[in-house]
């Protein structure tokens, strides 16, 4: 059975990656799982300067999920290259570097700094970041900003370029089309949903930032719908993220239109979760007589004449 998947310069032995921000830089989980079984590692977001992130409390458990307001804490580009890349280069899995920034110029500077580094097969661009020049408005909530970032980065790299989209918009398919039009090789979705929690004893928000990003099984139905919607709006591949905790979830995302998946919050509970999902998906495919996992992508059976409200198929 063929489990491999190639997306430009990104060559994966299977279709399961670990999501940015949930697996550190790989070395943190190396003692708890077989990294060589992963299709790829999406690194923790890298910014130009080191970031300490937001003040505590910045993590809160919710029913069937987790709220986080980490604030993109990371070591910065210099330390990433000098301290993290040597380990990542030695791994028998594909490396995707997630980039976060507060201006278009910063996105460009980080990508250009990484271009000479060996061992990187792709970039994932986190557009759910505040644009300081626009008063803190997230890049990913305006199509024109998403277009500009995609266009400027596309001009500067031949590596696979993936734009990670936020679900906190009205029509995510418009953003998917914008990424495709400006040369993105793929889109990944969804990033976290905006949520909050309240402590009734103190009558205060649980998180220091009041709201944070909701992830985990609670968001899986939303993620599936967004993947289905986006995969029918564009011809470039979609990488599905959101609440994937079992191999059955992974199969669902492929059928809904995802070409690959990322495992996120599940890794906090079990660092071996992604490998278990790889094993489970492969076992099921062998049982079902699937010769190539590509057969499953977009294979959802929909009765003739049935049309989901607001879902538009690509022309």
C-alpha atoms as a PDB file:
ATOM      1  CA  UNK A   1       0.000   0.000   0.000  1.00  0.00           C
ATOM      2  CA  UNK A   2       1.243   3.466  -0.867  1.00  0.00           C
ATOM      3  CA  UNK A   3       1.076   5.736   2.178  1.00  0.00           C
ATOM      4  CA  UNK A   4       3.519   8.391   0.953  1.00  0.00           C
ATOM      5  CA  UNK A   5       2.575  11.881  -0.173  1.00  0.00           C
ATOM      6  CA  UNK A   6       4.531  14.491  -2.096  1.00  0.00           C
ATOM      7  CA  UNK A   7       3.628  18.159  -2.133  1.00  0.00           C
ATOM      8  CA  UNK A   8       6.259  20.078  -4.085  1.00  0.00           C
ATOM      9  CA  UNK A   9       9.485  19.900  -2.094  1.00  0.00           C
ATOM     10  CA  UNK A  10       7.651  18.304   0.834  1.00  0.00           C
ATOM     11  CA  UNK A  11       7.991  14.528   0.682  1.00  0.00           C
ATOM     12  CA  UNK A  12       6.268  12.600   3.448  1.00  0.00           C
ATOM     13  CA  UNK A  13       6.316   8.871   4.137  1.00  0.00           C
ATOM     14  CA  UNK A  14       2.696   9.130   5.293  1.00  0.00           C
ATOM     15  CA  UNK A  15      -0.025  11.753   5.570  1.00  0.00           C
ATOM     16  CA  UNK A  16       0.203  12.466   9.303  1.00  0.00           C
ATOM     17  CA  UNK A  17       2.134  15.433  10.703  1.00  0.00           C
ATOM     18  CA  UNK A  18       2.244  16.921  14.180  1.00  0.00           C
ATOM     19  CA  UNK A  19       0.869  20.444  14.417  1.00  0.00           C
ATOM     20  CA  UNK A  20       2.774  23.598  15.253  1.00  0.00           C
ATOM     21  CA  UNK A  21       2.823  24.635  18.894  1.00  0.00           C
ATOM     22  CA  UNK A  22       1.868  21.202  20.203  1.00  0.00           C
ATOM     23  CA  UNK A  23       5.113  19.285  19.705  1.00  0.00           C
ATOM     24  CA  UNK A  24       7.798  21.869  20.431  1.00  0.00           C
ATOM     25  CA  UNK A  25      10.791  21.404  18.154  1.00  0.00           C
ATOM     26  CA  UNK A  26      10.617  17.615  18.175  1.00  0.00           C
ATOM     27  CA  UNK A  27      13.322  16.941  20.738  1.00  0.00           C
ATOM     28  CA  UNK A  28      10.886  17.398  23.623  1.00  0.00           C
ATOM     29  CA  UNK A  29       8.913  14.323  22.526  1.00  0.00           C
ATOM     30  CA  UNK A  30      11.757  12.180  21.192  1.00  0.00           C
ATOM     31  CA  UNK A  31      11.874   9.979  24.302  1.00  0.00           C
ATOM     32  CA  UNK A  32       8.150   9.218  24.149  1.00  0.00           C
ATOM     33  CA  UNK A  33       7.468   8.347  20.518  1.00  0.00           C
ATOM     34  CA  UNK A  34       9.157   7.171  17.316  1.00  0.00           C
ATOM     35  CA  UNK A  35       9.638  10.389  15.356  1.00  0.00           C
ATOM     36  CA  UNK A  36      10.657   8.411  12.259  1.00  0.00           C
ATOM     37  CA  UNK A  37       7.081   7.099  11.952  1.00  0.00           C
ATOM     38  CA  UNK A  38       5.702  10.592  11.447  1.00  0.00           C
ATOM     39  CA  UNK A  39       5.010  12.003   8.024  1.00  0.00           C
ATOM     40  CA  UNK A  40       6.443  15.277   9.262  1.00  0.00           C
ATOM     41  CA  UNK A  41       6.965  17.705  12.105  1.00  0.00           C
ATOM     42  CA  UNK A  42       5.586  21.230  11.915  1.00  0.00           C
ATOM     43  CA  UNK A  43       7.792  23.198  14.283  1.00  0.00           C
ATOM     44  CA  UNK A  44       6.675  25.574  16.971  1.00  0.00           C
ATOM     45  CA  UNK A  45       6.208  29.027  15.439  1.00  0.00           C
ATOM     46  CA  UNK A  46       9.418  30.948  14.832  1.00  0.00           C
ATOM     47  CA  UNK A  47       9.490  34.739  15.072  1.00  0.00           C
ATOM     48  CA  UNK A  48      12.312  37.206  14.372  1.00  0.00           C
ATOM     49  CA  UNK A  49      13.039  37.928  18.041  1.00  0.00           C
ATOM     50  CA  UNK A  50      12.572  35.603  21.034  1.00  0.00           C
ATOM     51  CA  UNK A  51       9.152  35.861  22.651  1.00  0.00           C
ATOM     52  CA  UNK A  52       8.292  35.020  26.249  1.00  0.00           C
ATOM     53  CA  UNK A  53       4.615  34.945  25.422  1.00  0.00           C
ATOM     54  CA  UNK A  54       1.689  35.979  27.578  1.00  0.00           C
ATOM     55  CA  UNK A  55       1.603  36.015  31.375  1.00  0.00           C
ATOM     56  CA  UNK A  56      -0.043  33.104  33.227  1.00  0.00           C
ATOM     57  CA  UNK A  57      -2.712  31.827  33.351  1.00  0.00           C
ATOM     58  CA  UNK A  58      -2.404  30.943  29.670  1.00  0.00           C
ATOM     59  CA  UNK A  59      -3.725  27.360  29.512  1.00  0.00           C
ATOM     60  CA  UNK A  60      -7.173  26.179  30.598  1.00  0.00           C
ATOM     61  CA  UNK A  61      -8.884  22.836  30.146  1.00  0.00           C
ATOM     62  CA  UNK A  62     -12.424  22.918  28.776  1.00  0.00           C
ATOM     63  CA  UNK A  63     -14.996  20.200  28.140  1.00  0.00           C
ATOM     64  CA  UNK A  64     -13.562  18.182  25.215  1.00  0.00           C
ATOM     65  CA  UNK A  65     -10.837  20.714  24.580  1.00  0.00           C
ATOM     66  CA  UNK A  66      -8.283  23.248  25.702  1.00  0.00           C
ATOM     67  CA  UNK A  67      -7.960  27.024  25.678  1.00  0.00           C
ATOM     68  CA  UNK A  68      -4.526  28.492  25.164  1.00  0.00           C
ATOM     69  CA  UNK A  69      -3.115  31.970  25.157  1.00  0.00           C
ATOM     70  CA  UNK A  70       0.573  31.124  24.971  1.00  0.00           C
ATOM     71  CA  UNK A  71       1.285  34.207  22.866  1.00  0.00           C
ATOM     72  CA  UNK A  72       3.636  32.542  20.351  1.00  0.00           C
ATOM     73  CA  UNK A  73       6.408  32.055  22.906  1.00  0.00           C
ATOM     74  CA  UNK A  74       9.515  30.848  21.056  1.00  0.00           C
ATOM     75  CA  UNK A  75      13.296  31.064  20.958  1.00  0.00           C
ATOM     76  CA  UNK A  76      13.517  33.424  17.965  1.00  0.00           C
ATOM     77  CA  UNK A  77      15.137  32.860  14.573  1.00  0.00           C
ATOM     78  CA  UNK A  78      18.788  33.042  15.715  1.00  0.00           C
ATOM     79  CA  UNK A  79      18.415  30.407  18.438  1.00  0.00           C
ATOM     80  CA  UNK A  80      16.191  28.288  16.223  1.00  0.00           C
ATOM     81  CA  UNK A  81      18.927  28.031  13.617  1.00  0.00           C
ATOM     82  CA  UNK A  82      21.812  27.597  16.062  1.00  0.00           C
ATOM     83  CA  UNK A  83      20.113  25.365  18.648  1.00  0.00           C
ATOM     84  CA  UNK A  84      17.210  23.535  17.022  1.00  0.00           C
ATOM     85  CA  UNK A  85      18.051  22.886  13.375  1.00  0.00           C
ATOM     86  CA  UNK A  86      20.968  20.519  14.088  1.00  0.00           C
ATOM     87  CA  UNK A  87      18.569  18.111  15.823  1.00  0.00           C
ATOM     88  CA  UNK A  88      15.836  18.494  13.210  1.00  0.00           C
ATOM     89  CA  UNK A  89      18.226  17.809  10.318  1.00  0.00           C
ATOM     90  CA  UNK A  90      19.094  14.390  11.727  1.00  0.00           C
ATOM     91  CA  UNK A  91      15.512  13.159  11.931  1.00  0.00           C
ATOM     92  CA  UNK A  92      14.113  10.619   9.503  1.00  0.00           C
ATOM     93  CA  UNK A  93      10.999  12.673   8.877  1.00  0.00           C
ATOM     94  CA  UNK A  94      10.063  15.813   6.947  1.00  0.00           C
ATOM     95  CA  UNK A  95      10.495  19.230   8.560  1.00  0.00           C
ATOM     96  CA  UNK A  96       8.035  22.085   8.062  1.00  0.00           C
ATOM     97  CA  UNK A  97       8.939  25.386   9.737  1.00  0.00           C
ATOM     98  CA  UNK A  98       6.007  27.450  10.977  1.00  0.00           C
ATOM     99  CA  UNK A  99       6.618  31.205  10.678  1.00  0.00           C
ATOM    100  CA  UNK A 100       4.865  33.879  12.762  1.00  0.00           C
ATOM    101  CA  UNK A 101       5.363  37.627  12.440  1.00  0.00           C
ATOM    102  CA  UNK A 102       3.864  41.024  13.207  1.00  0.00           C
ATOM    103  CA  UNK A 103       4.436  42.622   9.794  1.00  0.00           C
ATOM    104  CA  UNK A 104       4.832  41.562   6.169  1.00  0.00           C
ATOM    105  CA  UNK A 105       8.490  42.604   6.267  1.00  0.00           C
ATOM    106  CA  UNK A 106       9.089  40.372   9.284  1.00  0.00           C
ATOM    107  CA  UNK A 107       7.564  37.369   7.500  1.00  0.00           C
ATOM    108  CA  UNK A 108       9.906  38.062   4.582  1.00  0.00           C
ATOM    109  CA  UNK A 109      12.975  38.489   6.791  1.00  0.00           C
ATOM    110  CA  UNK A 110      12.387  35.204   8.606  1.00  0.00           C
ATOM    111  CA  UNK A 111      11.781  33.222   5.438  1.00  0.00           C
ATOM    112  CA  UNK A 112      14.857  34.677   3.717  1.00  0.00           C
ATOM    113  CA  UNK A 113      16.953  33.850   6.781  1.00  0.00           C
ATOM    114  CA  UNK A 114      15.805  30.222   6.574  1.00  0.00           C
ATOM    115  CA  UNK A 115      16.329  29.811   2.848  1.00  0.00           C
ATOM    116  CA  UNK A 116      20.000  28.842   3.201  1.00  0.00           C
ATOM    117  CA  UNK A 117      19.310  26.269   5.907  1.00  0.00           C
ATOM    118  CA  UNK A 118      19.386  22.620   4.865  1.00  0.00           C
ATOM    119  CA  UNK A 119      16.840  20.142   6.156  1.00  0.00           C
ATOM    120  CA  UNK A 120      13.727  22.287   5.670  1.00  0.00           C
ATOM    121  CA  UNK A 121      11.224  20.982   3.137  1.00  0.00           C
ATOM    122  CA  UNK A 122       8.387  23.454   3.577  1.00  0.00           C
ATOM    123  CA  UNK A 123       7.122  26.550   5.340  1.00  0.00           C
ATOM    124  CA  UNK A 124       3.767  26.897   7.066  1.00  0.00           C
ATOM    125  CA  UNK A 125       2.773  30.538   7.462  1.00  0.00           C
ATOM    126  CA  UNK A 126       0.750  31.412  10.541  1.00  0.00           C
ATOM    127  CA  UNK A 127      -1.426  34.333   9.463  1.00  0.00           C
ATOM    128  CA  UNK A 128      -3.364  34.319  12.737  1.00  0.00           C
ATOM    129  CA  UNK A 129      -0.950  36.951  14.039  1.00  0.00           C
ATOM    130  CA  UNK A 130      -1.594  40.601  14.947  1.00  0.00           C
ATOM    131  CA  UNK A 131      -0.390  43.132  12.391  1.00  0.00           C
ATOM    132  CA  UNK A 132       1.177  45.875  14.516  1.00  0.00           C
ATOM    133  CA  UNK A 133       1.048  48.334  11.620  1.00  0.00           C
ATOM    134  CA  UNK A 134      -2.721  47.875  11.355  1.00  0.00           C
ATOM    135  CA  UNK A 135      -3.547  48.347  15.025  1.00  0.00           C
ATOM    136  CA  UNK A 136      -3.320  44.672  15.976  1.00  0.00           C
ATOM    137  CA  UNK A 137      -5.813  43.287  13.449  1.00  0.00           C
ATOM    138  CA  UNK A 138      -4.962  39.698  12.579  1.00  0.00           C
ATOM    139  CA  UNK A 139      -3.502  39.167   9.095  1.00  0.00           C
ATOM    140  CA  UNK A 140      -5.678  36.122   8.603  1.00  0.00           C
ATOM    141  CA  UNK A 141      -8.967  37.960   9.018  1.00  0.00           C
ATOM    142  CA  UNK A 142      -8.459  40.164   5.948  1.00  0.00           C
ATOM    143  CA  UNK A 143      -8.180  38.692   2.477  1.00  0.00           C
ATOM    144  CA  UNK A 144      -5.969  41.496   1.189  1.00  0.00           C
ATOM    145  CA  UNK A 145      -3.412  40.936   3.952  1.00  0.00           C
ATOM    146  CA  UNK A 146      -3.416  37.185   3.357  1.00  0.00           C
ATOM    147  CA  UNK A 147      -2.937  37.792  -0.371  1.00  0.00           C
ATOM    148  CA  UNK A 148      -0.008  40.140   0.196  1.00  0.00           C
ATOM    149  CA  UNK A 149       1.836  37.771   2.524  1.00  0.00           C
ATOM    150  CA  UNK A 150       1.308  34.816   0.186  1.00  0.00           C
ATOM    151  CA  UNK A 151       2.444  36.770  -2.876  1.00  0.00           C
ATOM    152  CA  UNK A 152       5.550  38.224  -1.232  1.00  0.00           C
ATOM    153  CA  UNK A 153       6.686  34.927   0.236  1.00  0.00           C
ATOM    154  CA  UNK A 154       5.969  32.998  -2.974  1.00  0.00           C
ATOM    155  CA  UNK A 155       8.381  35.288  -4.815  1.00  0.00           C
ATOM    156  CA  UNK A 156      11.162  34.425  -2.382  1.00  0.00           C
ATOM    157  CA  UNK A 157      11.106  30.638  -2.128  1.00  0.00           C
ATOM    158  CA  UNK A 158      10.802  27.500  -4.219  1.00  0.00           C
ATOM    159  CA  UNK A 159      10.091  25.419  -1.152  1.00  0.00           C
ATOM    160  CA  UNK A 160       6.559  24.253  -0.495  1.00  0.00           C
ATOM    161  CA  UNK A 161       4.515  27.164   0.853  1.00  0.00           C
ATOM    162  CA  UNK A 162       1.541  26.370   3.101  1.00  0.00           C
ATOM    163  CA  UNK A 163      -0.748  29.089   4.458  1.00  0.00           C
ATOM    164  CA  UNK A 164      -2.459  28.225   7.757  1.00  0.00           C
ATOM    165  CA  UNK A 165      -5.921  29.742   7.839  1.00  0.00           C
ATOM    166  CA  UNK A 166      -8.016  30.893  10.765  1.00  0.00           C
ATOM    167  CA  UNK A 167     -11.657  29.775  11.078  1.00  0.00           C
ATOM    168  CA  UNK A 168     -12.568  33.110  12.666  1.00  0.00           C
ATOM    169  CA  UNK A 169     -13.844  34.584   9.406  1.00  0.00           C
ATOM    170  CA  UNK A 170     -17.209  34.560   7.634  1.00  0.00           C
ATOM    171  CA  UNK A 171     -16.226  32.828   4.376  1.00  0.00           C
ATOM    172  CA  UNK A 172     -13.057  30.769   4.681  1.00  0.00           C
ATOM    173  CA  UNK A 173     -13.288  29.729   1.026  1.00  0.00           C
ATOM    174  CA  UNK A 174     -12.523  33.339  -0.006  1.00  0.00           C
ATOM    175  CA  UNK A 175      -9.220  33.121   1.875  1.00  0.00           C
ATOM    176  CA  UNK A 176      -8.497  29.707   0.381  1.00  0.00           C
ATOM    177  CA  UNK A 177      -8.992  31.094  -3.127  1.00  0.00           C
ATOM    178  CA  UNK A 178      -6.806  34.109  -2.342  1.00  0.00           C
ATOM    179  CA  UNK A 179      -3.955  31.831  -1.243  1.00  0.00           C
ATOM    180  CA  UNK A 180      -4.304  29.715  -4.361  1.00  0.00           C
ATOM    181  CA  UNK A 181      -4.365  32.762  -6.633  1.00  0.00           C
ATOM    182  CA  UNK A 182      -1.156  34.137  -5.116  1.00  0.00           C
ATOM    183  CA  UNK A 183       0.791  30.903  -5.509  1.00  0.00           C
ATOM    184  CA  UNK A 184       0.427  28.934  -2.274  1.00  0.00           C
ATOM    185  CA  UNK A 185       1.118  25.225  -2.716  1.00  0.00           C
ATOM    186  CA  UNK A 186      -1.402  24.264  -0.045  1.00  0.00           C
ATOM    187  CA  UNK A 187      -3.502  25.579   2.803  1.00  0.00           C
ATOM    188  CA  UNK A 188      -3.773  24.128   6.304  1.00  0.00           C
ATOM    189  CA  UNK A 189      -6.863  24.574   8.447  1.00  0.00           C
ATOM    190  CA  UNK A 190      -8.161  25.187  10.906  1.00  0.00           C
ATOM    191  CA  UNK A 191      -6.263  27.215  13.438  1.00  0.00           C
ATOM    192  CA  UNK A 192      -7.924  27.641  16.828  1.00  0.00           C
ATOM    193  CA  UNK A 193     -11.366  29.131  17.423  1.00  0.00           C
ATOM    194  CA  UNK A 194     -11.729  32.132  19.733  1.00  0.00           C
ATOM    195  CA  UNK A 195     -13.021  31.100  23.144  1.00  0.00           C
ATOM    196  CA  UNK A 196     -12.968  32.014  26.820  1.00  0.00           C
ATOM    197  CA  UNK A 197     -13.563  30.608  30.287  1.00  0.00           C
ATOM    198  CA  UNK A 198     -14.778  32.264  33.497  1.00  0.00           C
ATOM    199  CA  UNK A 199     -13.989  31.478  37.136  1.00  0.00           C
ATOM    200  CA  UNK A 200     -17.271  32.051  38.956  1.00  0.00           C
ATOM    201  CA  UNK A 201     -15.597  32.092  42.380  1.00  0.00           C
ATOM    202  CA  UNK A 202     -13.355  35.035  41.517  1.00  0.00           C
ATOM    203  CA  UNK A 203     -15.739  36.366  38.840  1.00  0.00           C
ATOM    204  CA  UNK A 204     -12.727  36.820  36.601  1.00  0.00           C
ATOM    205  CA  UNK A 205     -11.640  35.375  33.252  1.00  0.00           C
ATOM    206  CA  UNK A 206      -9.522  32.230  33.626  1.00  0.00           C
ATOM    207  CA  UNK A 207      -6.990  33.371  31.008  1.00  0.00           C
ATOM    208  CA  UNK A 208      -4.870  36.462  31.605  1.00  0.00           C
ATOM    209  CA  UNK A 209      -5.748  37.644  28.095  1.00  0.00           C
ATOM    210  CA  UNK A 210      -9.498  37.011  28.645  1.00  0.00           C
ATOM    211  CA  UNK A 211      -9.891  35.063  25.387  1.00  0.00           C
ATOM    212  CA  UNK A 212      -7.701  32.408  23.831  1.00  0.00           C
ATOM    213  CA  UNK A 213      -7.634  29.731  21.174  1.00  0.00           C
ATOM    214  CA  UNK A 214      -9.926  26.732  21.555  1.00  0.00           C
ATOM    215  CA  UNK A 215      -8.548  23.416  20.294  1.00  0.00           C
ATOM    216  CA  UNK A 216      -9.166  19.713  20.837  1.00  0.00           C
ATOM    217  CA  UNK A 217     -12.060  17.347  20.054  1.00  0.00           C
ATOM    218  CA  UNK A 218     -14.639  20.097  20.614  1.00  0.00           C
ATOM    219  CA  UNK A 219     -13.638  21.820  17.367  1.00  0.00           C
ATOM    220  CA  UNK A 220     -13.476  18.728  15.150  1.00  0.00           C
ATOM    221  CA  UNK A 221     -16.958  19.167  13.568  1.00  0.00           C
ATOM    222  CA  UNK A 222     -16.091  22.763  12.664  1.00  0.00           C
ATOM    223  CA  UNK A 223     -12.724  21.717  11.250  1.00  0.00           C
ATOM    224  CA  UNK A 224     -14.268  18.955   9.141  1.00  0.00           C
ATOM    225  CA  UNK A 225     -16.790  21.368   7.669  1.00  0.00           C
ATOM    226  CA  UNK A 226     -14.111  23.956   6.859  1.00  0.00           C
ATOM    227  CA  UNK A 227     -11.900  21.330   5.224  1.00  0.00           C
ATOM    228  CA  UNK A 228     -14.808  20.064   3.145  1.00  0.00           C
ATOM    229  CA  UNK A 229     -15.779  23.591   2.177  1.00  0.00           C
ATOM    230  CA  UNK A 230     -12.265  24.725   1.286  1.00  0.00           C
ATOM    231  CA  UNK A 231     -11.293  21.577  -0.600  1.00  0.00           C
ATOM    232  CA  UNK A 232     -14.236  22.108  -2.927  1.00  0.00           C
ATOM    233  CA  UNK A 233     -13.378  25.780  -3.451  1.00  0.00           C
ATOM    234  CA  UNK A 234      -9.749  25.346  -4.578  1.00  0.00           C
ATOM    235  CA  UNK A 235      -7.655  22.854  -6.497  1.00  0.00           C
ATOM    236  CA  UNK A 236      -4.562  23.064  -4.264  1.00  0.00           C
ATOM    237  CA  UNK A 237      -4.272  20.513  -1.434  1.00  0.00           C
ATOM    238  CA  UNK A 238      -5.816  21.089   1.968  1.00  0.00           C
ATOM    239  CA  UNK A 239      -4.154  19.879   5.171  1.00  0.00           C
ATOM    240  CA  UNK A 240      -6.745  19.192   7.856  1.00  0.00           C
ATOM    241  CA  UNK A 241      -6.286  20.202  11.498  1.00  0.00           C
ATOM    242  CA  UNK A 242      -8.645  20.318  14.445  1.00  0.00           C
ATOM    243  CA  UNK A 243      -9.610  17.813  17.115  1.00  0.00           C
ATOM    244  CA  UNK A 244      -7.951  14.778  15.525  1.00  0.00           C
ATOM    245  CA  UNK A 245      -7.376  12.273  18.335  1.00  0.00           C
ATOM    246  CA  UNK A 246      -7.976   8.855  16.729  1.00  0.00           C
ATOM    247  CA  UNK A 247      -7.185   7.123  13.464  1.00  0.00           C
ATOM    248  CA  UNK A 248     -10.891   7.202  12.643  1.00  0.00           C
ATOM    249  CA  UNK A 249     -10.733  11.004  12.819  1.00  0.00           C
ATOM    250  CA  UNK A 250      -7.851  10.932  10.337  1.00  0.00           C
ATOM    251  CA  UNK A 251      -9.842   8.868   7.848  1.00  0.00           C
ATOM    252  CA  UNK A 252     -12.792  11.239   8.201  1.00  0.00           C
ATOM    253  CA  UNK A 253     -10.627  14.219   7.295  1.00  0.00           C
ATOM    254  CA  UNK A 254      -9.239  12.494   4.198  1.00  0.00           C
ATOM    255  CA  UNK A 255     -12.752  11.598   3.029  1.00  0.00           C
ATOM    256  CA  UNK A 256     -13.850  15.203   3.621  1.00  0.00           C
ATOM    257  CA  UNK A 257     -11.115  16.419   1.269  1.00  0.00           C
ATOM    258  CA  UNK A 258      -7.883  16.705   3.237  1.00  0.00           C
ATOM    259  CA  UNK A 259      -4.758  15.439   1.489  1.00  0.00           C
ATOM    260  CA  UNK A 260      -2.915  15.190   4.826  1.00  0.00           C
ATOM    261  CA  UNK A 261      -3.652  15.858   8.484  1.00  0.00           C
ATOM    262  CA  UNK A 262      -1.985  17.386  11.526  1.00  0.00           C
ATOM    263  CA  UNK A 263      -2.356  16.086  15.084  1.00  0.00           C
ATOM    264  CA  UNK A 264      -2.287  18.846  17.684  1.00  0.00           C
ATOM    265  CA  UNK A 265      -3.821  18.938  21.149  1.00  0.00           C
ATOM    266  CA  UNK A 266      -3.936  15.122  21.367  1.00  0.00           C
ATOM    267  CA  UNK A 267      -0.132  15.144  21.683  1.00  0.00           C
ATOM    268  CA  UNK A 268      -0.366  16.939  25.032  1.00  0.00           C
ATOM    269  CA  UNK A 269      -2.289  14.034  26.498  1.00  0.00           C
ATOM    270  CA  UNK A 270      -0.270  11.373  24.685  1.00  0.00           C
ATOM    271  CA  UNK A 271       2.982  12.279  22.869  1.00  0.00           C
ATOM    272  CA  UNK A 272       2.603   9.010  20.938  1.00  0.00           C
ATOM    273  CA  UNK A 273      -0.877   9.936  19.647  1.00  0.00           C
ATOM    274  CA  UNK A 274       0.217  10.806  16.105  1.00  0.00           C
ATOM    275  CA  UNK A 275       2.123   7.540  15.643  1.00  0.00           C
ATOM    276  CA  UNK A 276      -0.889   5.581  16.930  1.00  0.00           C
ATOM    277  CA  UNK A 277      -3.008   7.416  14.358  1.00  0.00           C
ATOM    278  CA  UNK A 278      -0.522   6.528  11.600  1.00  0.00           C
ATOM    279  CA  UNK A 279      -0.650   2.858  12.605  1.00  0.00           C
ATOM    280  CA  UNK A 280      -4.420   2.807  12.859  1.00  0.00           C
ATOM    281  CA  UNK A 281      -5.005   4.468   9.503  1.00  0.00           C
ATOM    282  CA  UNK A 282      -2.617   2.098   7.762  1.00  0.00           C
ATOM    283  CA  UNK A 283      -4.175  -0.984   9.380  1.00  0.00           C
ATOM    284  CA  UNK A 284      -7.670   0.109   8.363  1.00  0.00           C
ATOM    285  CA  UNK A 285      -6.595   0.787   4.787  1.00  0.00           C
ATOM    286  CA  UNK A 286      -5.023  -2.667   4.517  1.00  0.00           C
ATOM    287  CA  UNK A 287      -8.199  -4.207   5.901  1.00  0.00           C
ATOM    288  CA  UNK A 288     -10.293  -2.257   3.387  1.00  0.00           C
ATOM    289  CA  UNK A 289      -8.066  -3.189   0.449  1.00  0.00           C
ATOM    290  CA  UNK A 290      -6.972   0.405  -0.159  1.00  0.00           C
ATOM    291  CA  UNK A 291      -3.896   0.357  -2.425  1.00  0.00           C
ATOM    292  CA  UNK A 292      -3.113   4.070  -2.207  1.00  0.00           C
ATOM    293  CA  UNK A 293      -4.336   6.503   0.458  1.00  0.00           C
ATOM    294  CA  UNK A 294      -4.955   9.030  -2.307  1.00  0.00           C
ATOM    295  CA  UNK A 295      -8.079   6.971  -3.091  1.00  0.00           C
ATOM    296  CA  UNK A 296      -9.630   8.274   0.126  1.00  0.00           C
ATOM    297  CA  UNK A 297      -8.996  11.995  -0.434  1.00  0.00           C
ATOM    298  CA  UNK A 298     -12.304  13.691  -1.176  1.00  0.00           C
ATOM    299  CA  UNK A 299     -14.000  10.307  -1.299  1.00  0.00           C
ATOM    300  CA  UNK A 300     -17.022  11.342   0.736  1.00  0.00           C
ATOM    301  CA  UNK A 301     -20.194   9.876  -0.758  1.00  0.00           C
ATOM    302  CA  UNK A 302     -22.912  12.478  -1.160  1.00  0.00           C
ATOM    303  CA  UNK A 303     -26.332  11.720  -2.580  1.00  0.00           C
ATOM    304  CA  UNK A 304     -27.022  13.307  -5.940  1.00  0.00           C
ATOM    305  CA  UNK A 305     -28.754  16.641  -5.632  1.00  0.00           C
ATOM    306  CA  UNK A 306     -27.732  17.210  -2.020  1.00  0.00           C
ATOM    307  CA  UNK A 307     -25.966  20.522  -1.513  1.00  0.00           C
ATOM    308  CA  UNK A 308     -24.625  21.750   1.802  1.00  0.00           C
ATOM    309  CA  UNK A 309     -25.731  25.365   2.465  1.00  0.00           C
ATOM    310  CA  UNK A 310     -23.006  27.873   1.660  1.00  0.00           C
ATOM    311  CA  UNK A 311     -20.675  25.274   0.139  1.00  0.00           C
ATOM    312  CA  UNK A 312     -19.516  26.109  -3.358  1.00  0.00           C
ATOM    313  CA  UNK A 313     -17.603  23.663  -5.511  1.00  0.00           C
ATOM    314  CA  UNK A 314     -14.567  24.982  -7.401  1.00  0.00           C
ATOM    315  CA  UNK A 315     -15.192  25.778 -11.046  1.00  0.00           C
END
